Amino acid sequence: MVKAISFIGYHNSGKTTLAAQVIKILKEKGYKVAAVKSTKHENVLPEKEGTDTYKLAKVGAEAVALVEPHQSIIRIFKNKEELELQTFLNRHFSNFDVVICEGFKNYSLPKIEVLRKEQKTEPLFKRVENVVAVATDFKVEGITNLPLNSPEEVAEFIESEIIKSEEEPFTVTLSVNGKEVEMKPFIRHMLAELLGGFLKPLKGIEEPVELIEVCVKRREK
């Protein structure tokens, strides 16, 4: 599963500035980092009428990509009910060490709240789930404090608590015709979850399950 953390906070709290500083530091450490930002606005990047991608989207393509020599832009059209953040991250960012997000306070991924002393409203961590720390310029009780003016320490926290956190409690290998097949992390996770799901209704399985072996062999004609 893709490792991700999101910066949340009120308007003008400095979320984007801190996120950008942290990304730069993590890149300098050698990590492959992606960034994902949420917005309340719709059609921020509308298809320009008359372009080829506009024509493709207009006829009902569920996703349209524009591939340039040095960058690619992907637009995915979906209903709100279809947007599941972790699935989106697993599908599109599985080859990154970490994804730094901004916003998404109503999603389950871990979060750091950017909290300033001059802010008069109630801190978000008191009503938002899975806020693991606050980046702040004053002492905040009841939660891990990170210095707002030290992006290096914020990056170190993300490195230790997110990037280097304990991996999934299982390993998954797949061999086809005797040759091991390399799988991306989210594929390994999905395969393990799928097999675990098949085992649940079966009787006679001793807990805890330490090893699952499946062999599929083509019948000889």
N, C-alpha and C. Protein backbone atom coordinates (compact mmCIF):
# COMPACT_ATOMS: atom_id res chain seq x y z
N MET A 1 0.85 -1.19 0.00
CA MET A 1 0.00 0.00 0.00
C MET A 1 0.89 1.24 0.00
N VAL A 2 0.53 2.22 -0.80
CA VAL A 2 1.32 3.44 -0.92
C VAL A 2 1.35 4.19 0.41
N LYS A 3 2.52 4.67 0.78
CA LYS A 3 2.66 5.44 2.02
C LYS A 3 2.39 6.91 1.72
N ALA A 4 1.52 7.50 2.51
CA ALA A 4 1.12 8.88 2.26
C ALA A 4 0.81 9.58 3.57
N ILE A 5 0.96 10.90 3.57
CA ILE A 5 0.59 11.73 4.70
C ILE A 5 0.11 13.06 4.15
N SER A 6 -0.82 13.70 4.84
CA SER A 6 -1.40 14.94 4.32
C SER A 6 -1.22 16.08 5.31
N PHE A 7 -0.95 17.25 4.77
CA PHE A 7 -0.91 18.48 5.57
C PHE A 7 -2.30 19.12 5.52
N ILE A 8 -2.84 19.40 6.70
CA ILE A 8 -4.14 20.05 6.77
C ILE A 8 -4.01 21.31 7.61
N GLY A 9 -5.00 22.18 7.52
CA GLY A 9 -4.98 23.42 8.28
C GLY A 9 -5.95 24.41 7.69
N TYR A 10 -6.15 25.48 8.42
CA TYR A 10 -7.06 26.51 7.94
C TYR A 10 -6.41 27.32 6.83
N HIS A 11 -7.22 28.12 6.14
CA HIS A 11 -6.75 28.94 5.02
C HIS A 11 -5.62 29.87 5.48
N ASN A 12 -4.57 29.95 4.66
CA ASN A 12 -3.41 30.79 4.93
C ASN A 12 -2.59 30.35 6.14
N SER A 13 -2.71 29.10 6.52
CA SER A 13 -1.90 28.60 7.64
C SER A 13 -0.48 28.26 7.21
N GLY A 14 -0.26 28.12 5.91
CA GLY A 14 1.08 27.80 5.42
C GLY A 14 1.27 26.34 5.04
N LYS A 15 0.18 25.65 4.76
CA LYS A 15 0.26 24.22 4.42
C LYS A 15 1.13 23.97 3.19
N THR A 16 0.86 24.72 2.13
CA THR A 16 1.58 24.49 0.88
C THR A 16 3.06 24.81 1.02
N THR A 17 3.37 25.90 1.72
CA THR A 17 4.77 26.29 1.93
C THR A 17 5.53 25.20 2.67
N LEU A 18 4.95 24.70 3.75
CA LEU A 18 5.62 23.65 4.53
C LEU A 18 5.72 22.36 3.73
N ALA A 19 4.66 22.00 3.02
CA ALA A 19 4.69 20.78 2.21
C ALA A 19 5.79 20.85 1.16
N ALA A 20 5.93 22.01 0.51
CA ALA A 20 6.96 22.19 -0.51
C ALA A 20 8.36 22.07 0.09
N GLN A 21 8.56 22.65 1.27
CA GLN A 21 9.86 22.56 1.94
C GLN A 21 10.19 21.12 2.30
N VAL A 22 9.20 20.40 2.80
CA VAL A 22 9.41 19.01 3.19
C VAL A 22 9.72 18.14 1.97
N ILE A 23 9.00 18.36 0.88
CA ILE A 23 9.26 17.59 -0.34
C ILE A 23 10.69 17.81 -0.81
N LYS A 24 11.16 19.05 -0.78
CA LYS A 24 12.52 19.37 -1.20
C LYS A 24 13.55 18.62 -0.34
N ILE A 25 13.31 18.60 0.96
CA ILE A 25 14.24 17.93 1.88
C ILE A 25 14.24 16.42 1.64
N LEU A 26 13.06 15.84 1.49
CA LEU A 26 12.98 14.40 1.25
C LEU A 26 13.62 14.01 -0.08
N LYS A 27 13.46 14.87 -1.09
CA LYS A 27 14.12 14.63 -2.38
C LYS A 27 15.64 14.64 -2.21
N GLU A 28 16.14 15.58 -1.42
CA GLU A 28 17.58 15.67 -1.18
C GLU A 28 18.10 14.45 -0.44
N LYS A 29 17.22 13.80 0.31
CA LYS A 29 17.59 12.57 1.02
C LYS A 29 17.58 11.36 0.09
N GLY A 30 17.10 11.55 -1.13
CA GLY A 30 17.10 10.47 -2.11
C GLY A 30 15.79 9.76 -2.29
N TYR A 31 14.73 10.25 -1.65
CA TYR A 31 13.42 9.60 -1.78
C TYR A 31 12.70 10.05 -3.05
N LYS A 32 11.89 9.15 -3.58
CA LYS A 32 11.04 9.48 -4.71
C LYS A 32 9.70 9.94 -4.15
N VAL A 33 9.35 11.20 -4.39
CA VAL A 33 8.21 11.83 -3.73
C VAL A 33 7.19 12.32 -4.75
N ALA A 34 5.93 12.06 -4.47
CA ALA A 34 4.83 12.60 -5.28
C ALA A 34 4.02 13.55 -4.42
N ALA A 35 3.26 14.43 -5.06
CA ALA A 35 2.42 15.39 -4.34
C ALA A 35 1.00 15.35 -4.90
N VAL A 36 0.02 15.37 -4.01
CA VAL A 36 -1.39 15.37 -4.41
C VAL A 36 -2.12 16.42 -3.59
N LYS A 37 -2.84 17.30 -4.26
CA LYS A 37 -3.57 18.38 -3.58
C LYS A 37 -5.06 18.28 -3.87
N SER A 38 -5.86 18.49 -2.84
CA SER A 38 -7.31 18.50 -3.03
C SER A 38 -7.79 19.93 -3.23
N THR A 39 -8.94 20.08 -3.85
CA THR A 39 -9.55 21.40 -4.03
C THR A 39 -11.06 21.26 -3.98
N LYS A 40 -11.71 22.30 -3.50
CA LYS A 40 -13.17 22.33 -3.47
C LYS A 40 -13.75 22.75 -4.82
N HIS A 41 -12.91 23.35 -5.64
CA HIS A 41 -13.37 23.87 -6.92
C HIS A 41 -13.49 22.76 -7.95
N GLU A 42 -14.38 22.91 -8.88
CA GLU A 42 -14.57 21.95 -9.96
C GLU A 42 -14.16 22.56 -11.29
N ASN A 43 -13.76 21.69 -12.23
CA ASN A 43 -13.34 22.13 -13.57
C ASN A 43 -12.20 23.14 -13.51
N VAL A 44 -11.25 22.89 -12.60
CA VAL A 44 -10.09 23.78 -12.48
C VAL A 44 -9.24 23.70 -13.74
N LEU A 45 -9.17 22.51 -14.32
CA LEU A 45 -8.40 22.32 -15.56
C LEU A 45 -9.34 21.83 -16.66
N PRO A 46 -10.22 22.70 -17.13
CA PRO A 46 -11.19 22.26 -18.14
C PRO A 46 -10.51 21.95 -19.46
N GLU A 47 -11.10 21.00 -20.19
CA GLU A 47 -10.59 20.70 -21.52
C GLU A 47 -10.88 21.89 -22.44
N LYS A 48 -9.87 22.33 -23.16
CA LYS A 48 -10.05 23.45 -24.08
C LYS A 48 -10.80 22.97 -25.31
N GLU A 49 -11.92 23.62 -25.57
CA GLU A 49 -12.77 23.21 -26.69
C GLU A 49 -12.00 23.26 -28.01
N GLY A 50 -12.15 22.21 -28.78
CA GLY A 50 -11.49 22.14 -30.08
C GLY A 50 -10.22 21.33 -30.08
N THR A 51 -9.65 21.07 -28.89
CA THR A 51 -8.43 20.26 -28.83
C THR A 51 -8.77 18.79 -29.00
N ASP A 52 -7.76 18.00 -29.32
CA ASP A 52 -7.97 16.56 -29.49
C ASP A 52 -8.44 15.91 -28.19
N THR A 53 -7.84 16.31 -27.06
CA THR A 53 -8.25 15.72 -25.78
C THR A 53 -9.68 16.11 -25.43
N TYR A 54 -10.09 17.30 -25.83
CA TYR A 54 -11.49 17.72 -25.60
C TYR A 54 -12.44 16.80 -26.37
N LYS A 55 -12.08 16.51 -27.62
CA LYS A 55 -12.93 15.64 -28.44
C LYS A 55 -13.04 14.24 -27.83
N LEU A 56 -11.91 13.74 -27.32
CA LEU A 56 -11.90 12.40 -26.72
C LEU A 56 -12.74 12.36 -25.44
N ALA A 57 -12.65 13.42 -24.65
CA ALA A 57 -13.42 13.49 -23.41
C ALA A 57 -14.90 13.68 -23.69
N LYS A 58 -15.20 14.45 -24.73
CA LYS A 58 -16.59 14.80 -25.05
C LYS A 58 -17.41 13.58 -25.44
N VAL A 59 -16.78 12.60 -26.06
CA VAL A 59 -17.53 11.42 -26.51
C VAL A 59 -17.68 10.38 -25.41
N GLY A 60 -17.13 10.66 -24.22
CA GLY A 60 -17.39 9.77 -23.09
C GLY A 60 -16.22 8.97 -22.56
N ALA A 61 -14.99 9.28 -23.01
CA ALA A 61 -13.84 8.57 -22.45
C ALA A 61 -13.78 8.82 -20.94
N GLU A 62 -13.60 7.76 -20.16
CA GLU A 62 -13.59 7.90 -18.71
C GLU A 62 -12.28 8.44 -18.18
N ALA A 63 -11.25 8.42 -19.02
CA ALA A 63 -9.97 9.02 -18.66
C ALA A 63 -9.29 9.47 -19.94
N VAL A 64 -8.60 10.60 -19.86
CA VAL A 64 -7.87 11.13 -21.02
C VAL A 64 -6.48 11.52 -20.54
N ALA A 65 -5.46 11.10 -21.26
CA ALA A 65 -4.08 11.44 -20.90
C ALA A 65 -3.42 12.17 -22.05
N LEU A 66 -2.62 13.17 -21.72
CA LEU A 66 -1.81 13.89 -22.69
C LEU A 66 -0.35 13.64 -22.33
N VAL A 67 0.37 12.97 -23.21
CA VAL A 67 1.75 12.59 -22.94
C VAL A 67 2.68 13.47 -23.74
N GLU A 68 3.48 14.26 -23.04
CA GLU A 68 4.48 15.13 -23.67
C GLU A 68 5.86 14.50 -23.47
N PRO A 69 6.89 15.05 -24.10
CA PRO A 69 8.23 14.47 -23.95
C PRO A 69 8.72 14.41 -22.51
N HIS A 70 8.35 15.40 -21.67
CA HIS A 70 8.89 15.45 -20.32
C HIS A 70 7.83 15.46 -19.22
N GLN A 71 6.58 15.31 -19.57
CA GLN A 71 5.54 15.23 -18.55
C GLN A 71 4.28 14.60 -19.15
N SER A 72 3.44 14.10 -18.26
CA SER A 72 2.16 13.52 -18.68
C SER A 72 1.06 14.09 -17.81
N ILE A 73 -0.09 14.36 -18.41
CA ILE A 73 -1.24 14.87 -17.68
C ILE A 73 -2.39 13.88 -17.85
N ILE A 74 -2.92 13.39 -16.74
CA ILE A 74 -4.02 12.43 -16.79
C ILE A 74 -5.25 13.04 -16.15
N ARG A 75 -6.36 13.01 -16.85
CA ARG A 75 -7.64 13.46 -16.31
C ARG A 75 -8.55 12.25 -16.21
N ILE A 76 -9.04 11.99 -15.00
CA ILE A 76 -9.93 10.86 -14.75
C ILE A 76 -11.30 11.42 -14.40
N PHE A 77 -12.31 11.02 -15.14
CA PHE A 77 -13.66 11.52 -14.91
C PHE A 77 -14.43 10.48 -14.10
N LYS A 78 -14.91 10.88 -12.92
CA LYS A 78 -15.63 9.92 -12.08
C LYS A 78 -16.61 10.64 -11.18
N ASN A 79 -17.58 9.88 -10.68
CA ASN A 79 -18.53 10.41 -9.72
C ASN A 79 -17.89 10.51 -8.35
N LYS A 80 -18.45 11.35 -7.48
CA LYS A 80 -17.90 11.51 -6.14
C LYS A 80 -17.86 10.18 -5.40
N GLU A 81 -18.89 9.34 -5.60
CA GLU A 81 -18.94 8.07 -4.89
C GLU A 81 -17.80 7.14 -5.30
N GLU A 82 -17.24 7.39 -6.48
CA GLU A 82 -16.20 6.50 -6.98
C GLU A 82 -14.81 6.90 -6.51
N LEU A 83 -14.69 8.06 -5.88
CA LEU A 83 -13.38 8.55 -5.49
C LEU A 83 -12.98 7.96 -4.14
N GLU A 84 -12.07 7.01 -4.15
CA GLU A 84 -11.53 6.44 -2.92
C GLU A 84 -10.04 6.76 -2.95
N LEU A 85 -9.60 7.60 -2.02
CA LEU A 85 -8.26 8.17 -2.09
C LEU A 85 -7.17 7.10 -2.10
N GLN A 86 -7.23 6.14 -1.17
CA GLN A 86 -6.16 5.16 -1.10
C GLN A 86 -6.08 4.33 -2.37
N THR A 87 -7.23 3.99 -2.95
CA THR A 87 -7.23 3.26 -4.22
C THR A 87 -6.58 4.09 -5.32
N PHE A 88 -6.90 5.38 -5.34
CA PHE A 88 -6.31 6.30 -6.32
C PHE A 88 -4.79 6.34 -6.17
N LEU A 89 -4.32 6.47 -4.92
CA LEU A 89 -2.88 6.53 -4.67
C LEU A 89 -2.20 5.22 -5.05
N ASN A 90 -2.81 4.09 -4.68
CA ASN A 90 -2.23 2.78 -5.00
C ASN A 90 -2.12 2.58 -6.51
N ARG A 91 -3.10 3.06 -7.23
CA ARG A 91 -3.16 2.83 -8.67
C ARG A 91 -2.15 3.69 -9.43
N HIS A 92 -1.95 4.93 -8.98
CA HIS A 92 -1.17 5.87 -9.78
C HIS A 92 0.19 6.24 -9.18
N PHE A 93 0.45 5.91 -7.91
CA PHE A 93 1.69 6.34 -7.28
C PHE A 93 2.41 5.20 -6.56
N SER A 94 2.22 3.97 -7.05
CA SER A 94 2.77 2.81 -6.36
C SER A 94 4.29 2.74 -6.41
N ASN A 95 4.93 3.45 -7.33
CA ASN A 95 6.38 3.39 -7.45
C ASN A 95 7.08 4.55 -6.74
N PHE A 96 6.34 5.27 -5.87
CA PHE A 96 6.93 6.35 -5.10
C PHE A 96 7.16 5.91 -3.66
N ASP A 97 8.18 6.48 -3.03
CA ASP A 97 8.45 6.16 -1.62
C ASP A 97 7.40 6.76 -0.70
N VAL A 98 6.90 7.92 -1.05
CA VAL A 98 5.89 8.58 -0.22
C VAL A 98 5.13 9.59 -1.06
N VAL A 99 3.87 9.78 -0.72
CA VAL A 99 3.05 10.80 -1.37
C VAL A 99 2.71 11.86 -0.32
N ILE A 100 3.09 13.10 -0.59
CA ILE A 100 2.78 14.22 0.30
C ILE A 100 1.50 14.86 -0.22
N CYS A 101 0.47 14.83 0.60
CA CYS A 101 -0.82 15.38 0.20
C CYS A 101 -1.09 16.69 0.92
N GLU A 102 -2.03 17.45 0.37
CA GLU A 102 -2.51 18.66 1.05
C GLU A 102 -4.03 18.63 1.02
N GLY A 103 -4.63 18.76 2.20
CA GLY A 103 -6.08 18.68 2.31
C GLY A 103 -6.51 17.27 2.68
N PHE A 104 -7.65 16.84 2.17
CA PHE A 104 -8.18 15.49 2.43
C PHE A 104 -8.41 15.23 3.92
N LYS A 105 -8.87 16.25 4.65
CA LYS A 105 -9.01 16.07 6.10
C LYS A 105 -10.08 15.06 6.48
N ASN A 106 -11.00 14.76 5.56
CA ASN A 106 -12.05 13.80 5.87
C ASN A 106 -11.71 12.38 5.44
N TYR A 107 -10.47 12.18 5.01
CA TYR A 107 -10.03 10.85 4.62
C TYR A 107 -9.19 10.23 5.74
N SER A 108 -8.95 8.93 5.65
CA SER A 108 -8.35 8.20 6.77
C SER A 108 -6.83 8.27 6.83
N LEU A 109 -6.16 8.81 5.82
CA LEU A 109 -4.71 8.79 5.83
C LEU A 109 -4.17 9.67 6.97
N PRO A 110 -2.95 9.39 7.47
CA PRO A 110 -2.38 10.20 8.55
C PRO A 110 -2.18 11.64 8.12
N LYS A 111 -2.28 12.55 9.10
CA LYS A 111 -2.24 13.98 8.79
C LYS A 111 -1.38 14.75 9.78
N ILE A 112 -0.80 15.84 9.30
CA ILE A 112 -0.11 16.82 10.14
C ILE A 112 -0.87 18.13 9.99
N GLU A 113 -1.32 18.68 11.12
CA GLU A 113 -2.02 19.96 11.06
C GLU A 113 -1.02 21.10 11.21
N VAL A 114 -1.12 22.08 10.33
CA VAL A 114 -0.31 23.30 10.43
C VAL A 114 -1.10 24.29 11.28
N LEU A 115 -0.55 24.63 12.44
CA LEU A 115 -1.30 25.38 13.45
C LEU A 115 -0.47 26.56 13.94
N ARG A 116 -1.01 27.78 13.77
CA ARG A 116 -0.30 28.99 14.17
C ARG A 116 -0.93 29.63 15.41
N LYS A 117 -0.10 30.34 16.16
CA LYS A 117 -0.55 30.93 17.42
C LYS A 117 -1.66 31.95 17.22
N GLU A 118 -1.61 32.70 16.12
CA GLU A 118 -2.62 33.74 15.88
C GLU A 118 -3.97 33.18 15.47
N GLN A 119 -4.01 31.88 15.21
CA GLN A 119 -5.27 31.25 14.82
C GLN A 119 -6.22 31.20 16.02
N LYS A 120 -7.42 31.68 15.84
CA LYS A 120 -8.37 31.77 16.95
C LYS A 120 -9.40 30.64 16.95
N THR A 121 -9.50 29.93 15.85
CA THR A 121 -10.50 28.86 15.76
C THR A 121 -9.96 27.57 16.40
N GLU A 122 -10.87 26.65 16.69
CA GLU A 122 -10.50 25.39 17.34
C GLU A 122 -9.59 24.57 16.43
N PRO A 123 -8.51 24.00 16.96
CA PRO A 123 -7.62 23.17 16.15
C PRO A 123 -8.38 22.01 15.50
N LEU A 124 -7.99 21.69 14.29
CA LEU A 124 -8.68 20.63 13.56
C LEU A 124 -8.48 19.26 14.20
N PHE A 125 -7.32 19.04 14.84
CA PHE A 125 -7.04 17.72 15.36
C PHE A 125 -8.01 17.28 16.45
N LYS A 126 -8.75 18.23 17.00
CA LYS A 126 -9.72 17.90 18.04
C LYS A 126 -11.00 17.28 17.47
N ARG A 127 -11.18 17.42 16.16
CA ARG A 127 -12.39 16.84 15.56
C ARG A 127 -12.12 16.09 14.26
N VAL A 128 -10.88 16.07 13.82
CA VAL A 128 -10.51 15.35 12.60
C VAL A 128 -9.73 14.09 12.99
N GLU A 129 -10.07 12.98 12.39
CA GLU A 129 -9.43 11.71 12.73
C GLU A 129 -8.02 11.59 12.15
N ASN A 130 -7.19 10.85 12.87
CA ASN A 130 -5.86 10.44 12.42
C ASN A 130 -4.90 11.60 12.17
N VAL A 131 -5.00 12.65 12.97
CA VAL A 131 -3.98 13.71 12.95
C VAL A 131 -2.87 13.24 13.89
N VAL A 132 -1.70 12.98 13.34
CA VAL A 132 -0.62 12.36 14.12
C VAL A 132 0.32 13.38 14.74
N ALA A 133 0.26 14.63 14.29
CA ALA A 133 1.13 15.67 14.84
C ALA A 133 0.63 17.04 14.39
N VAL A 134 1.11 18.08 15.07
CA VAL A 134 0.86 19.45 14.63
C VAL A 134 2.21 20.11 14.38
N ALA A 135 2.31 20.85 13.28
CA ALA A 135 3.47 21.70 13.02
C ALA A 135 3.07 23.08 13.49
N THR A 136 3.71 23.57 14.54
CA THR A 136 3.18 24.74 15.23
C THR A 136 4.28 25.67 15.72
N ASP A 137 3.90 26.92 16.02
CA ASP A 137 4.84 27.90 16.57
C ASP A 137 4.54 28.19 18.04
N PHE A 138 3.76 27.31 18.69
CA PHE A 138 3.51 27.44 20.13
C PHE A 138 3.21 26.06 20.69
N LYS A 139 3.25 25.93 22.00
CA LYS A 139 3.04 24.64 22.65
C LYS A 139 1.57 24.23 22.58
N VAL A 140 1.33 23.01 22.07
CA VAL A 140 -0.02 22.47 21.97
C VAL A 140 -0.08 21.19 22.79
N GLU A 141 -1.02 21.11 23.70
CA GLU A 141 -1.15 19.95 24.57
C GLU A 141 -1.91 18.81 23.89
N GLY A 142 -1.54 17.59 24.25
CA GLY A 142 -2.30 16.42 23.83
C GLY A 142 -1.96 15.83 22.49
N ILE A 143 -0.88 16.29 21.86
CA ILE A 143 -0.51 15.78 20.54
C ILE A 143 0.96 16.07 20.30
N THR A 144 1.60 15.29 19.44
CA THR A 144 3.00 15.51 19.09
C THR A 144 3.19 16.87 18.44
N ASN A 145 4.15 17.65 18.96
CA ASN A 145 4.45 18.98 18.42
C ASN A 145 5.69 18.93 17.54
N LEU A 146 5.61 19.52 16.36
CA LEU A 146 6.75 19.68 15.47
C LEU A 146 6.95 21.17 15.23
N PRO A 147 8.19 21.66 15.23
CA PRO A 147 8.42 23.09 15.05
C PRO A 147 8.07 23.56 13.64
N LEU A 148 7.19 24.52 13.55
CA LEU A 148 6.73 25.02 12.26
C LEU A 148 7.86 25.63 11.45
N ASN A 149 8.83 26.23 12.14
CA ASN A 149 9.94 26.91 11.44
C ASN A 149 11.11 25.96 11.16
N SER A 150 10.90 24.66 11.33
CA SER A 150 11.96 23.68 11.06
C SER A 150 11.43 22.56 10.17
N PRO A 151 11.35 22.81 8.87
CA PRO A 151 10.86 21.76 7.96
C PRO A 151 11.73 20.51 7.99
N GLU A 152 13.00 20.68 8.40
CA GLU A 152 13.89 19.52 8.51
C GLU A 152 13.36 18.52 9.53
N GLU A 153 12.88 19.03 10.68
CA GLU A 153 12.35 18.14 11.71
C GLU A 153 11.02 17.53 11.28
N VAL A 154 10.23 18.28 10.54
CA VAL A 154 8.98 17.73 10.02
C VAL A 154 9.28 16.60 9.03
N ALA A 155 10.29 16.83 8.18
CA ALA A 155 10.69 15.80 7.21
C ALA A 155 11.22 14.56 7.92
N GLU A 156 11.99 14.76 8.99
CA GLU A 156 12.52 13.62 9.76
C GLU A 156 11.38 12.82 10.39
N PHE A 157 10.35 13.51 10.86
CA PHE A 157 9.19 12.84 11.44
C PHE A 157 8.50 11.98 10.39
N ILE A 158 8.30 12.53 9.20
CA ILE A 158 7.66 11.79 8.12
C ILE A 158 8.52 10.60 7.70
N GLU A 159 9.83 10.81 7.68
CA GLU A 159 10.74 9.73 7.30
C GLU A 159 10.65 8.56 8.28
N SER A 160 10.65 8.87 9.58
CA SER A 160 10.66 7.81 10.59
C SER A 160 9.29 7.18 10.80
N GLU A 161 8.24 8.00 10.78
CA GLU A 161 6.91 7.50 11.11
C GLU A 161 6.11 6.99 9.91
N ILE A 162 6.45 7.46 8.72
CA ILE A 162 5.69 7.07 7.53
C ILE A 162 6.55 6.23 6.57
N ILE A 163 7.64 6.81 6.09
CA ILE A 163 8.44 6.13 5.07
C ILE A 163 9.09 4.86 5.62
N LYS A 164 9.68 4.96 6.82
CA LYS A 164 10.39 3.82 7.39
C LYS A 164 9.56 3.06 8.41
N SER A 165 8.28 3.33 8.45
CA SER A 165 7.42 2.61 9.38
C SER A 165 7.37 1.14 9.02
N GLU A 166 6.96 0.33 9.97
CA GLU A 166 6.94 -1.12 9.76
C GLU A 166 6.10 -1.48 8.55
N GLU A 167 6.64 -2.36 7.75
CA GLU A 167 5.93 -2.78 6.54
C GLU A 167 4.75 -3.68 6.89
N GLU A 168 4.00 -4.07 5.87
CA GLU A 168 2.89 -5.00 6.06
C GLU A 168 3.40 -6.26 6.77
N PRO A 169 2.59 -6.85 7.65
CA PRO A 169 3.05 -8.00 8.43
C PRO A 169 3.07 -9.30 7.63
N PHE A 170 3.33 -9.21 6.32
CA PHE A 170 3.41 -10.41 5.50
C PHE A 170 4.28 -10.12 4.29
N THR A 171 4.83 -11.16 3.72
CA THR A 171 5.55 -11.04 2.45
C THR A 171 4.78 -11.85 1.41
N VAL A 172 4.84 -11.42 0.18
CA VAL A 172 4.11 -12.10 -0.89
C VAL A 172 5.05 -12.31 -2.07
N THR A 173 5.14 -13.54 -2.54
CA THR A 173 5.92 -13.83 -3.74
C THR A 173 5.04 -14.56 -4.74
N LEU A 174 5.30 -14.35 -6.00
CA LEU A 174 4.53 -14.98 -7.07
C LEU A 174 5.51 -15.55 -8.09
N SER A 175 5.34 -16.83 -8.41
CA SER A 175 6.19 -17.47 -9.41
C SER A 175 5.32 -18.02 -10.53
N VAL A 176 5.75 -17.80 -11.76
CA VAL A 176 5.07 -18.33 -12.94
C VAL A 176 6.08 -19.13 -13.74
N ASN A 177 5.78 -20.41 -13.95
CA ASN A 177 6.70 -21.31 -14.65
C ASN A 177 8.06 -21.36 -13.97
N GLY A 178 8.04 -21.29 -12.63
CA GLY A 178 9.26 -21.40 -11.86
C GLY A 178 10.07 -20.13 -11.76
N LYS A 179 9.59 -19.05 -12.35
CA LYS A 179 10.32 -17.78 -12.31
C LYS A 179 9.54 -16.77 -11.49
N GLU A 180 10.22 -16.18 -10.50
CA GLU A 180 9.55 -15.21 -9.63
C GLU A 180 9.20 -13.95 -10.41
N VAL A 181 7.99 -13.46 -10.19
CA VAL A 181 7.48 -12.28 -10.88
C VAL A 181 7.53 -11.09 -9.93
N GLU A 182 8.14 -10.01 -10.37
CA GLU A 182 8.21 -8.81 -9.54
C GLU A 182 6.84 -8.13 -9.52
N MET A 183 6.41 -7.70 -8.32
CA MET A 183 5.12 -7.05 -8.16
C MET A 183 5.28 -5.72 -7.44
N LYS A 184 4.48 -4.73 -7.84
CA LYS A 184 4.47 -3.47 -7.14
C LYS A 184 3.84 -3.65 -5.76
N PRO A 185 4.17 -2.78 -4.80
CA PRO A 185 3.67 -2.95 -3.43
C PRO A 185 2.16 -3.10 -3.34
N PHE A 186 1.42 -2.27 -4.09
CA PHE A 186 -0.03 -2.34 -3.94
C PHE A 186 -0.60 -3.62 -4.54
N ILE A 187 0.09 -4.22 -5.54
CA ILE A 187 -0.33 -5.50 -6.10
C ILE A 187 -0.11 -6.60 -5.06
N ARG A 188 1.04 -6.57 -4.39
CA ARG A 188 1.31 -7.56 -3.33
C ARG A 188 0.24 -7.46 -2.24
N HIS A 189 -0.08 -6.22 -1.85
CA HIS A 189 -1.07 -6.01 -0.80
C HIS A 189 -2.44 -6.54 -1.24
N MET A 190 -2.83 -6.23 -2.46
CA MET A 190 -4.14 -6.67 -2.96
C MET A 190 -4.22 -8.19 -3.05
N LEU A 191 -3.13 -8.83 -3.48
CA LEU A 191 -3.12 -10.29 -3.60
C LEU A 191 -3.25 -10.94 -2.23
N ALA A 192 -2.53 -10.42 -1.24
CA ALA A 192 -2.62 -10.96 0.11
C ALA A 192 -4.01 -10.78 0.69
N GLU A 193 -4.60 -9.59 0.48
CA GLU A 193 -5.95 -9.33 0.98
C GLU A 193 -6.97 -10.24 0.30
N LEU A 194 -6.78 -10.48 -1.00
CA LEU A 194 -7.69 -11.34 -1.75
C LEU A 194 -7.66 -12.77 -1.23
N LEU A 195 -6.45 -13.30 -1.05
CA LEU A 195 -6.31 -14.67 -0.54
C LEU A 195 -6.86 -14.78 0.88
N GLY A 196 -6.57 -13.77 1.70
CA GLY A 196 -7.09 -13.78 3.06
C GLY A 196 -8.61 -13.78 3.09
N GLY A 197 -9.21 -13.06 2.15
CA GLY A 197 -10.66 -13.01 2.07
C GLY A 197 -11.26 -14.35 1.70
N PHE A 198 -10.58 -15.10 0.81
CA PHE A 198 -11.06 -16.42 0.43
C PHE A 198 -11.00 -17.41 1.60
N LEU A 199 -10.03 -17.21 2.50
CA LEU A 199 -9.86 -18.15 3.61
C LEU A 199 -10.92 -18.00 4.69
N LYS A 200 -11.44 -16.79 4.86
CA LYS A 200 -12.33 -16.51 5.99
C LYS A 200 -13.53 -17.45 6.10
N PRO A 201 -14.24 -17.78 5.00
CA PRO A 201 -15.41 -18.65 5.14
C PRO A 201 -15.07 -20.14 5.22
N LEU A 202 -13.79 -20.49 5.05
CA LEU A 202 -13.40 -21.90 5.04
C LEU A 202 -13.23 -22.42 6.46
N LYS A 203 -13.61 -23.69 6.67
CA LYS A 203 -13.51 -24.31 7.98
C LYS A 203 -12.22 -25.11 8.09
N GLY A 204 -11.78 -25.31 9.34
CA GLY A 204 -10.62 -26.15 9.59
C GLY A 204 -9.28 -25.45 9.45
N ILE A 205 -9.27 -24.13 9.35
CA ILE A 205 -8.02 -23.38 9.22
C ILE A 205 -7.57 -22.92 10.60
N GLU A 206 -6.35 -23.28 10.97
CA GLU A 206 -5.82 -22.92 12.28
C GLU A 206 -5.32 -21.48 12.26
N GLU A 207 -5.62 -20.78 13.33
CA GLU A 207 -5.15 -19.41 13.49
C GLU A 207 -3.97 -19.37 14.47
N PRO A 208 -3.04 -18.44 14.32
CA PRO A 208 -2.97 -17.47 13.22
C PRO A 208 -2.41 -18.09 11.94
N VAL A 209 -2.78 -17.54 10.83
CA VAL A 209 -2.28 -18.02 9.54
C VAL A 209 -0.88 -17.46 9.32
N GLU A 210 0.10 -18.35 9.20
CA GLU A 210 1.49 -17.93 9.02
C GLU A 210 1.95 -18.07 7.57
N LEU A 211 1.37 -19.01 6.85
CA LEU A 211 1.82 -19.28 5.48
C LEU A 211 0.64 -19.74 4.63
N ILE A 212 0.49 -19.15 3.46
CA ILE A 212 -0.52 -19.56 2.49
C ILE A 212 0.20 -19.99 1.22
N GLU A 213 -0.06 -21.18 0.76
CA GLU A 213 0.54 -21.67 -0.48
C GLU A 213 -0.56 -22.06 -1.46
N VAL A 214 -0.50 -21.52 -2.66
CA VAL A 214 -1.47 -21.84 -3.70
C VAL A 214 -0.69 -22.26 -4.94
N CYS A 215 -1.05 -23.39 -5.52
CA CYS A 215 -0.40 -23.86 -6.74
C CYS A 215 -1.47 -24.07 -7.82
N VAL A 216 -1.33 -23.38 -8.91
CA VAL A 216 -2.25 -23.54 -10.04
C VAL A 216 -1.45 -24.13 -11.20
N LYS A 217 -1.85 -25.31 -11.66
CA LYS A 217 -1.10 -26.01 -12.71
C LYS A 217 -2.03 -26.39 -13.84
N ARG A 218 -1.62 -26.10 -15.05
CA ARG A 218 -2.42 -26.46 -16.23
C ARG A 218 -2.46 -27.98 -16.39
N ARG A 219 -3.66 -28.51 -16.61
CA ARG A 219 -3.80 -29.95 -16.82
C ARG A 219 -3.20 -30.35 -18.17
N GLU A 220 -2.57 -31.49 -18.17
CA GLU A 220 -2.02 -32.01 -19.42
C GLU A 220 -3.15 -32.52 -20.30
N LYS A 221 -3.09 -32.22 -21.58
CA LYS A 221 -4.14 -32.67 -22.51
C LYS A 221 -3.90 -34.11 -22.93
